Protein backbone atom coordinates (compact mmCIF):
# COMPACT_ATOMS: atom_id res chain seq x y z
CA UNK A 1 113.91 75.83 -35.45
CA UNK A 2 112.45 75.80 -31.93
CA UNK A 3 110.57 72.54 -32.51
CA UNK A 4 113.70 70.77 -33.76
CA UNK A 5 115.58 71.88 -30.67
CA UNK A 6 112.78 70.66 -28.38
CA UNK A 7 112.73 67.34 -30.15
CA UNK A 8 116.48 67.05 -29.74
CA UNK A 9 116.23 67.89 -26.11
CA UNK A 10 113.53 65.29 -25.45
CA UNK A 11 115.39 62.63 -27.44
CA UNK A 12 118.55 63.33 -25.44
CA UNK A 13 116.59 63.16 -22.15
CA UNK A 14 115.02 59.87 -23.21
CA UNK A 15 118.41 58.52 -24.23
CA UNK A 16 120.11 59.50 -20.91
CA UNK A 17 117.13 58.19 -18.95
CA UNK A 18 117.52 54.87 -20.75
CA UNK A 19 121.23 54.75 -20.00
CA UNK A 20 120.53 55.49 -16.36
CA UNK A 21 117.92 52.79 -16.09
CA UNK A 22 120.20 50.30 -17.86
CA UNK A 23 123.09 51.12 -15.55
CA UNK A 24 120.92 50.64 -12.42
CA UNK A 25 119.48 47.34 -13.84
CA UNK A 26 122.91 45.94 -14.72
CA UNK A 27 124.35 46.96 -11.37
CA UNK A 28 121.51 45.23 -9.52
CA UNK A 29 121.62 42.08 -11.57
CA UNK A 30 125.41 41.93 -11.31
CA UNK A 31 125.28 42.23 -7.50
CA UNK A 32 122.62 39.47 -7.33
CA UNK A 33 124.68 37.21 -9.53
CA UNK A 34 127.84 37.81 -7.47
CA UNK A 35 125.91 37.01 -4.28
CA UNK A 36 124.49 33.79 -5.85
CA UNK A 37 127.91 32.78 -7.12
CA UNK A 38 129.56 33.28 -3.73
CA UNK A 39 126.77 31.38 -2.02
CA UNK A 40 126.99 28.53 -4.50
CA UNK A 41 130.80 28.44 -4.14
CA UNK A 42 130.59 28.38 -0.31
CA UNK A 43 127.99 25.63 -0.44
CA UNK A 44 130.25 23.57 -2.72
CA UNK A 45 133.25 24.10 -0.48
CA UNK A 46 131.32 23.07 2.68
CA UNK A 47 129.75 20.01 1.13
CA UNK A 48 133.07 18.76 -0.37
CA UNK A 49 134.76 19.34 3.01
CA UNK A 50 131.97 17.47 4.74
CA UNK A 51 131.98 14.54 2.33
CA UNK A 52 135.77 14.28 2.36
CA UNK A 53 135.64 13.58 6.08
CA UNK A 54 132.98 10.95 5.63
CA UNK A 55 135.12 9.09 3.10
CA UNK A 56 138.18 9.07 5.33
């Protein structure tokens, strides 16, 4: 019975470590994507503002 309990403990530790790694990875990639999206949006707004003055 002791081996089964140890195997369960190790599988639970591996599972929670995987969840922790996945959470950190998704948080990091989400933050990078938000930054890229905001940068892209600001670049679009600036260029459209700049070109609208050239047309007028």
